[in-house]
């Protein structure tokens, strides 16, 4: 999946560059390459990338629930106690 995303991203970048390269001589084809490459990037590559990065994660871990707020408070309290011990007096 990673290599497919990378290949499609490279194809999209090359398509945009090629479109700008041929645009002075063939404006219609240049616009077609640029537009289709941008569409490929946003409509195919971006959703594949987001799916690939989030497929094994739980959304509940990133939601602000009471349990997660308490965990954050405990974590912050333990860090503030540790930093007080390490400061020179």
N, C-alpha and C. Protein backbone atom coordinates (compact mmCIF):
# COMPACT_ATOMS: atom_id res chain seq x y z
N UNK A 1 0.83 -1.19 0.00
CA UNK A 1 0.00 0.00 0.00
C UNK A 1 0.88 1.25 0.00
N UNK A 2 1.96 1.21 0.79
CA UNK A 2 2.84 2.37 0.87
C UNK A 2 3.46 2.69 -0.48
N UNK A 3 3.86 1.66 -1.19
CA UNK A 3 4.50 1.88 -2.49
C UNK A 3 3.50 2.33 -3.55
N UNK A 4 2.28 1.87 -3.47
CA UNK A 4 1.23 2.32 -4.37
C UNK A 4 0.96 3.81 -4.17
N UNK A 5 0.87 4.22 -2.92
CA UNK A 5 0.64 5.64 -2.61
C UNK A 5 1.80 6.48 -3.12
N UNK A 6 3.02 6.01 -2.88
CA UNK A 6 4.20 6.75 -3.34
C UNK A 6 4.24 6.83 -4.86
N UNK A 7 3.90 5.75 -5.54
CA UNK A 7 3.88 5.74 -7.00
C UNK A 7 2.83 6.71 -7.55
N UNK A 8 1.64 6.70 -6.97
CA UNK A 8 0.59 7.61 -7.43
C UNK A 8 0.94 9.06 -7.13
N UNK A 9 1.59 9.32 -6.00
CA UNK A 9 2.01 10.68 -5.68
C UNK A 9 3.05 11.17 -6.67
N UNK A 10 4.01 10.32 -6.98
CA UNK A 10 5.04 10.69 -7.97
C UNK A 10 4.41 10.93 -9.34
N UNK A 11 3.45 10.08 -9.72
CA UNK A 11 2.78 10.26 -11.00
C UNK A 11 2.02 11.58 -11.04
N UNK A 12 1.41 11.94 -9.92
CA UNK A 12 0.68 13.20 -9.86
C UNK A 12 1.63 14.39 -9.98
N UNK A 13 2.76 14.34 -9.29
CA UNK A 13 3.73 15.44 -9.37
C UNK A 13 4.32 15.55 -10.77
N UNK A 14 4.66 14.41 -11.36
CA UNK A 14 5.21 14.41 -12.72
C UNK A 14 4.17 14.94 -13.71
N UNK A 15 2.92 14.57 -13.52
CA UNK A 15 1.86 15.06 -14.41
C UNK A 15 1.68 16.57 -14.33
N UNK A 16 1.75 17.12 -13.13
CA UNK A 16 1.64 18.58 -12.98
C UNK A 16 2.83 19.26 -13.64
N UNK A 17 4.03 18.74 -13.39
CA UNK A 17 5.23 19.33 -14.01
C UNK A 17 5.18 19.25 -15.53
N UNK A 18 4.76 18.10 -16.07
CA UNK A 18 4.65 17.94 -17.52
C UNK A 18 3.59 18.89 -18.08
N UNK A 19 2.50 19.06 -17.35
CA UNK A 19 1.46 19.98 -17.80
C UNK A 19 1.96 21.41 -17.89
N UNK A 20 2.72 21.84 -16.90
CA UNK A 20 3.30 23.19 -16.97
C UNK A 20 4.36 23.30 -18.06
N UNK A 21 5.04 22.19 -18.35
CA UNK A 21 6.06 22.19 -19.39
C UNK A 21 5.45 22.36 -20.78
N UNK A 22 4.33 21.66 -21.05
CA UNK A 22 3.74 21.73 -22.38
C UNK A 22 2.69 22.83 -22.52
N UNK A 23 2.36 23.51 -21.44
CA UNK A 23 1.31 24.52 -21.48
C UNK A 23 1.60 25.68 -22.45
N UNK A 24 2.84 26.18 -22.58
CA UNK A 24 3.07 27.28 -23.53
C UNK A 24 2.79 26.90 -24.99
N UNK A 25 3.04 25.65 -25.35
CA UNK A 25 2.84 25.25 -26.75
C UNK A 25 1.46 24.64 -26.99
N UNK A 26 0.93 23.92 -26.01
CA UNK A 26 -0.37 23.27 -26.13
C UNK A 26 -1.19 23.57 -24.87
N UNK A 27 -1.84 24.70 -24.81
CA UNK A 27 -2.53 25.09 -23.57
C UNK A 27 -3.64 24.12 -23.14
N UNK A 28 -4.37 23.55 -24.11
CA UNK A 28 -5.47 22.65 -23.75
C UNK A 28 -4.93 21.37 -23.10
N UNK A 29 -3.91 20.78 -23.71
CA UNK A 29 -3.34 19.56 -23.15
C UNK A 29 -2.61 19.83 -21.83
N UNK A 30 -1.98 20.98 -21.72
CA UNK A 30 -1.31 21.33 -20.47
C UNK A 30 -2.30 21.45 -19.33
N UNK A 31 -3.42 22.13 -19.60
CA UNK A 31 -4.46 22.25 -18.58
C UNK A 31 -5.06 20.89 -18.23
N UNK A 32 -5.20 20.03 -19.22
CA UNK A 32 -5.73 18.69 -18.97
C UNK A 32 -4.80 17.89 -18.06
N UNK A 33 -3.50 17.93 -18.34
CA UNK A 33 -2.55 17.21 -17.49
C UNK A 33 -2.52 17.77 -16.08
N UNK A 34 -2.51 19.09 -15.97
CA UNK A 34 -2.47 19.71 -14.64
C UNK A 34 -3.73 19.36 -13.85
N UNK A 35 -4.88 19.51 -14.47
CA UNK A 35 -6.14 19.24 -13.78
C UNK A 35 -6.31 17.79 -13.38
N UNK A 36 -5.98 16.89 -14.29
CA UNK A 36 -6.14 15.47 -13.96
C UNK A 36 -5.12 15.03 -12.91
N UNK A 37 -3.94 15.62 -12.91
CA UNK A 37 -2.93 15.26 -11.90
C UNK A 37 -3.33 15.78 -10.52
N UNK A 38 -3.88 16.98 -10.48
CA UNK A 38 -4.36 17.52 -9.20
C UNK A 38 -5.54 16.70 -8.68
N UNK A 39 -6.44 16.33 -9.58
CA UNK A 39 -7.58 15.50 -9.19
C UNK A 39 -7.10 14.15 -8.68
N UNK A 40 -6.12 13.55 -9.34
CA UNK A 40 -5.55 12.29 -8.88
C UNK A 40 -4.98 12.44 -7.47
N UNK A 41 -4.29 13.54 -7.25
CA UNK A 41 -3.69 13.77 -5.94
C UNK A 41 -4.72 13.93 -4.84
N UNK A 42 -5.76 14.71 -5.10
CA UNK A 42 -6.72 14.98 -4.04
C UNK A 42 -7.82 13.93 -3.91
N UNK A 43 -8.22 13.31 -5.00
CA UNK A 43 -9.33 12.38 -4.93
C UNK A 43 -8.91 10.93 -4.73
N UNK A 44 -7.67 10.59 -5.03
CA UNK A 44 -7.22 9.20 -4.89
C UNK A 44 -6.08 9.08 -3.90
N UNK A 45 -5.02 9.87 -4.08
CA UNK A 45 -3.84 9.72 -3.23
C UNK A 45 -4.13 10.12 -1.79
N UNK A 46 -4.78 11.27 -1.59
CA UNK A 46 -5.04 11.74 -0.23
C UNK A 46 -5.92 10.79 0.57
N UNK A 47 -7.06 10.29 0.05
CA UNK A 47 -7.85 9.33 0.83
C UNK A 47 -7.10 8.02 1.09
N UNK A 48 -6.31 7.54 0.12
CA UNK A 48 -5.52 6.33 0.35
C UNK A 48 -4.49 6.55 1.46
N UNK A 49 -3.86 7.72 1.47
CA UNK A 49 -2.88 8.03 2.49
C UNK A 49 -3.54 8.11 3.87
N UNK A 50 -4.67 8.77 3.95
CA UNK A 50 -5.37 8.88 5.24
C UNK A 50 -5.81 7.51 5.73
N UNK A 51 -6.34 6.68 4.85
CA UNK A 51 -6.74 5.33 5.24
C UNK A 51 -5.54 4.52 5.71
N UNK A 52 -4.43 4.62 4.98
CA UNK A 52 -3.23 3.87 5.33
C UNK A 52 -2.71 4.27 6.71
N UNK A 53 -2.75 5.55 7.04
CA UNK A 53 -2.22 6.02 8.32
C UNK A 53 -3.15 5.72 9.49
N UNK A 54 -4.45 5.60 9.28
CA UNK A 54 -5.41 5.45 10.36
C UNK A 54 -6.02 4.06 10.46
N UNK A 55 -5.62 3.11 9.64
CA UNK A 55 -6.35 1.84 9.58
C UNK A 55 -6.23 1.00 10.86
N UNK A 56 -5.17 1.10 11.62
CA UNK A 56 -5.01 0.28 12.82
C UNK A 56 -5.15 1.08 14.11
N UNK A 57 -5.76 2.23 14.05
CA UNK A 57 -5.89 3.08 15.23
C UNK A 57 -7.33 3.15 15.67
N UNK A 58 -7.49 3.36 16.95
CA UNK A 58 -8.82 3.51 17.51
C UNK A 58 -9.13 4.99 17.68
N UNK A 59 -10.26 5.42 17.17
CA UNK A 59 -10.65 6.81 17.26
C UNK A 59 -10.93 7.18 18.72
N UNK A 60 -11.32 6.20 19.52
CA UNK A 60 -11.62 6.45 20.92
C UNK A 60 -10.40 6.96 21.68
N UNK A 61 -9.21 6.56 21.26
CA UNK A 61 -7.99 7.04 21.92
C UNK A 61 -7.78 8.53 21.72
N UNK A 62 -8.35 9.11 20.69
CA UNK A 62 -8.14 10.51 20.36
C UNK A 62 -9.32 11.39 20.73
N UNK A 63 -10.37 10.80 21.29
CA UNK A 63 -11.54 11.58 21.69
C UNK A 63 -11.34 12.09 23.11
N UNK A 64 -11.91 13.23 23.39
CA UNK A 64 -11.79 13.84 24.70
C UNK A 64 -12.91 13.32 25.59
N UNK A 65 -12.66 12.20 26.26
CA UNK A 65 -13.63 11.62 27.18
C UNK A 65 -13.17 11.91 28.61
N UNK A 66 -14.04 11.64 29.57
CA UNK A 66 -13.69 11.86 30.97
C UNK A 66 -12.48 11.04 31.37
N UNK A 67 -12.42 9.82 30.89
CA UNK A 67 -11.30 8.93 31.21
C UNK A 67 -9.98 9.49 30.67
N UNK A 68 -10.00 9.98 29.44
CA UNK A 68 -8.79 10.55 28.86
C UNK A 68 -8.38 11.85 29.53
N UNK A 69 -9.34 12.65 29.96
CA UNK A 69 -9.01 13.88 30.68
C UNK A 69 -8.32 13.54 31.99
N UNK A 70 -8.82 12.53 32.70
CA UNK A 70 -8.19 12.12 33.96
C UNK A 70 -6.78 11.59 33.72
N UNK A 71 -6.59 10.84 32.63
CA UNK A 71 -5.24 10.37 32.30
C UNK A 71 -4.29 11.52 32.03
N UNK A 72 -4.78 12.53 31.30
CA UNK A 72 -3.93 13.70 31.02
C UNK A 72 -3.59 14.45 32.30
N UNK A 73 -4.55 14.60 33.20
CA UNK A 73 -4.28 15.29 34.47
C UNK A 73 -3.26 14.53 35.30
N UNK A 74 -3.42 13.21 35.37
CA UNK A 74 -2.46 12.40 36.12
C UNK A 74 -1.07 12.50 35.51
N UNK A 75 -0.99 12.48 34.22
CA UNK A 75 0.29 12.59 33.53
C UNK A 75 0.94 13.95 33.80
N UNK A 76 0.15 15.01 33.70
CA UNK A 76 0.68 16.35 33.96
C UNK A 76 1.11 16.52 35.41
N UNK A 77 0.33 15.96 36.33
CA UNK A 77 0.70 16.06 37.75
C UNK A 77 1.99 15.31 38.04
N UNK A 78 2.15 14.14 37.45
CA UNK A 78 3.38 13.37 37.70
C UNK A 78 4.59 14.08 37.08
N UNK A 79 4.41 14.73 35.94
CA UNK A 79 5.52 15.48 35.33
C UNK A 79 5.88 16.71 36.14
N UNK A 80 4.88 17.38 36.71
CA UNK A 80 5.18 18.58 37.50
C UNK A 80 5.87 18.19 38.80
N UNK A 81 5.52 17.05 39.39
CA UNK A 81 6.22 16.59 40.59
C UNK A 81 7.66 16.21 40.28
N UNK A 82 7.89 15.56 39.14
CA UNK A 82 9.25 15.17 38.75
C UNK A 82 10.10 16.38 38.43
N UNK A 83 9.52 17.40 37.83
CA UNK A 83 10.31 18.58 37.49
C UNK A 83 10.67 19.38 38.75
N UNK A 84 9.82 19.34 39.78
CA UNK A 84 10.12 20.03 41.03
C UNK A 84 11.28 19.33 41.77
N UNK A 85 11.36 18.01 41.65
CA UNK A 85 12.43 17.26 42.30
C UNK A 85 13.76 17.53 41.63
N UNK A 86 13.76 17.77 40.33
CA UNK A 86 14.99 17.92 39.57
C UNK A 86 15.51 19.35 39.52
N UNK A 87 14.76 20.32 40.02
CA UNK A 87 15.23 21.70 39.96
C UNK A 87 16.17 21.98 41.14
N UNK A 88 17.28 22.66 40.91
CA UNK A 88 18.20 22.98 42.00
C UNK A 88 17.62 24.11 42.86
N UNK A 89 17.89 24.04 44.11
CA UNK A 89 17.36 25.05 45.04
C UNK A 89 18.44 26.00 45.48
